[in-house]
Amino acid sequence: QVQLVESGGGLVQAGGSLRLSCVASGSIFRLYTMGWYRQAPGPQRELVAEITSGGYTNYADSVKGRFTISRDNAKNTVYMQMNSLKPEDTAVYYCKAGSMGRTVAWGQGTQVTVSS
């Protein structure tokens, strides 16, 4: 069973930066597609960025040019560098592992708050 643990959230002023990390247990991390999602108050959880096992990346239009997702398979870790943060980026950020279109695991979430 895969477990995901996020870290790196916090409070930052608009225009600032944060780097989120997500560490996965298990030995086949390198085979997973890893994604970062976020959920502001409300039921909708949206995809922010994802990276496949081959390193292909995909971003939500709202974060293109500001956020960068990367992975270190040797450390079983996926990162998301967030620059030029805006108040509308405020949300709980979740890490997700997926395989062949199915969700393998979610992390517990980390809060990101951007003040204006």
C-alpha atoms as a PDB file:
ATOM      1  CA  GLN A   1       0.000   0.000   0.000  1.00  0.00           C
ATOM      2  CA  VAL A   2       1.380   3.372  -1.026  1.00  0.00           C
ATOM      3  CA  GLN A   3       1.417   6.216   1.459  1.00  0.00           C
ATOM      4  CA  LEU A   4       2.000   9.840   0.494  1.00  0.00           C
ATOM      5  CA  VAL A   5       3.146  12.567   2.874  1.00  0.00           C
ATOM      6  CA  GLU A   6       3.109  16.208   1.776  1.00  0.00           C
ATOM      7  CA  SER A   7       5.022  19.081   3.298  1.00  0.00           C
ATOM      8  CA  GLY A   8       6.037  22.621   2.478  1.00  0.00           C
ATOM      9  CA  GLY A   9       2.780  24.506   2.781  1.00  0.00           C
ATOM     10  CA  GLY A  10       2.429  27.691   4.765  1.00  0.00           C
ATOM     11  CA  LEU A  11       1.540  31.361   4.741  1.00  0.00           C
ATOM     12  CA  VAL A  12       3.173  33.620   2.177  1.00  0.00           C
ATOM     13  CA  GLN A  13       2.547  37.088   0.797  1.00  0.00           C
ATOM     14  CA  ALA A  14       1.368  37.589  -2.747  1.00  0.00           C
ATOM     15  CA  GLY A  15       4.302  37.402  -5.129  1.00  0.00           C
ATOM     16  CA  GLY A  16       6.174  34.993  -2.894  1.00  0.00           C
ATOM     17  CA  SER A  17       7.235  31.399  -3.399  1.00  0.00           C
ATOM     18  CA  LEU A  18       6.796  28.018  -1.784  1.00  0.00           C
ATOM     19  CA  ARG A  19       8.015  24.534  -2.623  1.00  0.00           C
ATOM     20  CA  LEU A  20       5.795  21.576  -1.865  1.00  0.00           C
ATOM     21  CA  SER A  21       7.193  18.076  -1.425  1.00  0.00           C
ATOM     22  CA  CYS A  22       5.458  14.718  -1.445  1.00  0.00           C
ATOM     23  CA  VAL A  23       7.295  11.608  -0.311  1.00  0.00           C
ATOM     24  CA  ALA A  24       5.932   8.200  -1.270  1.00  0.00           C
ATOM     25  CA  SER A  25       6.462   4.865   0.398  1.00  0.00           C
ATOM     26  CA  GLY A  26       7.027   1.771  -1.713  1.00  0.00           C
ATOM     27  CA  SER A  27       9.487   0.683  -4.343  1.00  0.00           C
ATOM     28  CA  ILE A  28       7.618   1.388  -7.566  1.00  0.00           C
ATOM     29  CA  PHE A  29       7.235   5.154  -7.219  1.00  0.00           C
ATOM     30  CA  ARG A  30       9.041   5.600 -10.519  1.00  0.00           C
ATOM     31  CA  LEU A  31       6.157   3.905 -12.361  1.00  0.00           C
ATOM     32  CA  TYR A  32       3.453   6.237 -11.055  1.00  0.00           C
ATOM     33  CA  THR A  33       2.025   9.369 -12.559  1.00  0.00           C
ATOM     34  CA  MET A  34       2.219  11.916  -9.762  1.00  0.00           C
ATOM     35  CA  GLY A  35      -0.082  14.880  -9.506  1.00  0.00           C
ATOM     36  CA  TRP A  36      -0.724  17.909  -7.367  1.00  0.00           C
ATOM     37  CA  TYR A  37      -4.338  18.904  -6.820  1.00  0.00           C
ATOM     38  CA  ARG A  38      -5.864  21.683  -4.786  1.00  0.00           C
ATOM     39  CA  GLN A  39      -9.140  22.296  -3.055  1.00  0.00           C
ATOM     40  CA  ALA A  40     -10.354  25.711  -1.968  1.00  0.00           C
ATOM     41  CA  PRO A  41     -13.407  25.829   0.311  1.00  0.00           C
ATOM     42  CA  GLY A  42     -16.044  23.824  -1.570  1.00  0.00           C
ATOM     43  CA  PRO A  43     -16.383  20.356  -3.022  1.00  0.00           C
ATOM     44  CA  GLN A  44     -14.268  20.729  -6.146  1.00  0.00           C
ATOM     45  CA  ARG A  45     -10.693  19.408  -6.192  1.00  0.00           C
ATOM     46  CA  GLU A  46      -8.803  20.568  -9.262  1.00  0.00           C
ATOM     47  CA  LEU A  47      -5.696  19.323 -10.986  1.00  0.00           C
ATOM     48  CA  VAL A  48      -2.804  21.761 -10.703  1.00  0.00           C
ATOM     49  CA  ALA A  49       0.035  19.812 -12.302  1.00  0.00           C
ATOM     50  CA  GLU A  50       1.055  16.262 -13.039  1.00  0.00           C
ATOM     51  CA  ILE A  51       4.153  14.409 -14.160  1.00  0.00           C
ATOM     52  CA  THR A  52       4.250  10.966 -15.733  1.00  0.00           C
ATOM     53  CA  SER A  53       6.779   8.227 -15.147  1.00  0.00           C
ATOM     54  CA  GLY A  54       8.491   9.373 -18.327  1.00  0.00           C
ATOM     55  CA  GLY A  55       8.713  12.967 -17.190  1.00  0.00           C
ATOM     56  CA  TYR A  56       5.905  14.425 -19.299  1.00  0.00           C
ATOM     57  CA  THR A  57       4.281  17.351 -17.489  1.00  0.00           C
ATOM     58  CA  ASN A  58       0.861  18.932 -17.662  1.00  0.00           C
ATOM     59  CA  TYR A  59      -0.342  22.127 -15.971  1.00  0.00           C
ATOM     60  CA  ALA A  60      -3.579  23.900 -15.316  1.00  0.00           C
ATOM     61  CA  ASP A  61      -3.780  27.098 -17.368  1.00  0.00           C
ATOM     62  CA  SER A  62      -4.009  29.162 -14.183  1.00  0.00           C
ATOM     63  CA  VAL A  63      -0.522  28.125 -13.030  1.00  0.00           C
ATOM     64  CA  LYS A  64       1.414  27.826 -16.302  1.00  0.00           C
ATOM     65  CA  GLY A  65       4.620  29.818 -16.142  1.00  0.00           C
ATOM     66  CA  ARG A  66       4.449  30.105 -12.345  1.00  0.00           C
ATOM     67  CA  PHE A  67       4.488  26.527 -11.032  1.00  0.00           C
ATOM     68  CA  THR A  68       6.938  23.752 -11.889  1.00  0.00           C
ATOM     69  CA  ILE A  69       6.448  20.085 -11.056  1.00  0.00           C
ATOM     70  CA  SER A  70       9.419  17.732 -10.865  1.00  0.00           C
ATOM     71  CA  ARG A  71      10.275  14.334  -9.463  1.00  0.00           C
ATOM     72  CA  ASP A  72      13.274  12.579  -7.961  1.00  0.00           C
ATOM     73  CA  ASN A  73      12.752   8.852  -8.317  1.00  0.00           C
ATOM     74  CA  ALA A  74      15.808   8.075  -6.195  1.00  0.00           C
ATOM     75  CA  LYS A  75      14.124   9.873  -3.285  1.00  0.00           C
ATOM     76  CA  ASN A  76      10.554   8.737  -4.062  1.00  0.00           C
ATOM     77  CA  THR A  77       9.632  12.414  -4.040  1.00  0.00           C
ATOM     78  CA  VAL A  78       7.641  14.771  -6.233  1.00  0.00           C
ATOM     79  CA  TYR A  79       8.011  18.517  -5.874  1.00  0.00           C
ATOM     80  CA  MET A  80       6.103  21.560  -6.949  1.00  0.00           C
ATOM     81  CA  GLN A  81       7.859  24.895  -7.029  1.00  0.00           C
ATOM     82  CA  MET A  82       5.290  27.683  -6.793  1.00  0.00           C
ATOM     83  CA  ASN A  83       6.394  31.198  -7.729  1.00  0.00           C
ATOM     84  CA  SER A  84       4.536  34.485  -8.100  1.00  0.00           C
ATOM     85  CA  LEU A  85       1.830  33.214  -5.787  1.00  0.00           C
ATOM     86  CA  LYS A  86      -1.562  34.897  -5.855  1.00  0.00           C
ATOM     87  CA  PRO A  87      -4.336  35.015  -3.245  1.00  0.00           C
ATOM     88  CA  GLU A  88      -6.425  32.799  -5.529  1.00  0.00           C
ATOM     89  CA  ASP A  89      -3.805  30.049  -5.117  1.00  0.00           C
ATOM     90  CA  THR A  90      -4.942  29.671  -1.500  1.00  0.00           C
ATOM     91  CA  ALA A  91      -6.125  26.091  -0.997  1.00  0.00           C
ATOM     92  CA  VAL A  92      -5.287  22.746   0.511  1.00  0.00           C
ATOM     93  CA  TYR A  93      -2.842  21.038  -1.835  1.00  0.00           C
ATOM     94  CA  TYR A  94      -2.950  17.278  -2.226  1.00  0.00           C
ATOM     95  CA  CYS A  95      -0.507  14.857  -3.783  1.00  0.00           C
ATOM     96  CA  LYS A  96      -1.861  11.922  -5.791  1.00  0.00           C
ATOM     97  CA  ALA A  97      -0.276   8.782  -7.177  1.00  0.00           C
ATOM     98  CA  GLY A  98      -1.879   7.176 -10.198  1.00  0.00           C
ATOM     99  CA  SER A  99      -1.300   4.199 -12.410  1.00  0.00           C
ATOM    100  CA  MET A 100      -2.984   3.282 -15.694  1.00  0.00           C
ATOM    101  CA  GLY A 101      -5.692   5.872 -15.147  1.00  0.00           C
ATOM    102  CA  ARG A 102      -6.532   4.749 -11.642  1.00  0.00           C
ATOM    103  CA  THR A 103      -5.860   6.516  -8.352  1.00  0.00           C
ATOM    104  CA  VAL A 104      -3.441   4.609  -6.171  1.00  0.00           C
ATOM    105  CA  ALA A 105      -3.232   6.959  -3.200  1.00  0.00           C
ATOM    106  CA  TRP A 106      -3.866  10.486  -1.939  1.00  0.00           C
ATOM    107  CA  GLY A 107      -1.835  12.380   0.589  1.00  0.00           C
ATOM    108  CA  GLN A 108      -3.348  14.096   3.605  1.00  0.00           C
ATOM    109  CA  GLY A 109      -2.973  17.602   2.179  1.00  0.00           C
ATOM    110  CA  THR A 110      -0.997  20.695   3.072  1.00  0.00           C
ATOM    111  CA  GLN A 111      -2.439  24.182   3.462  1.00  0.00           C
ATOM    112  CA  VAL A 112      -1.168  27.024   1.294  1.00  0.00           C
ATOM    113  CA  THR A 113      -2.368  30.510   2.196  1.00  0.00           C
ATOM    114  CA  VAL A 114      -1.419  33.549   0.118  1.00  0.00           C
ATOM    115  CA  SER A 115      -2.137  36.935   1.661  1.00  0.00           C
ATOM    116  CA  SER A 116      -2.751  40.039  -0.406  1.00  0.00           C
END
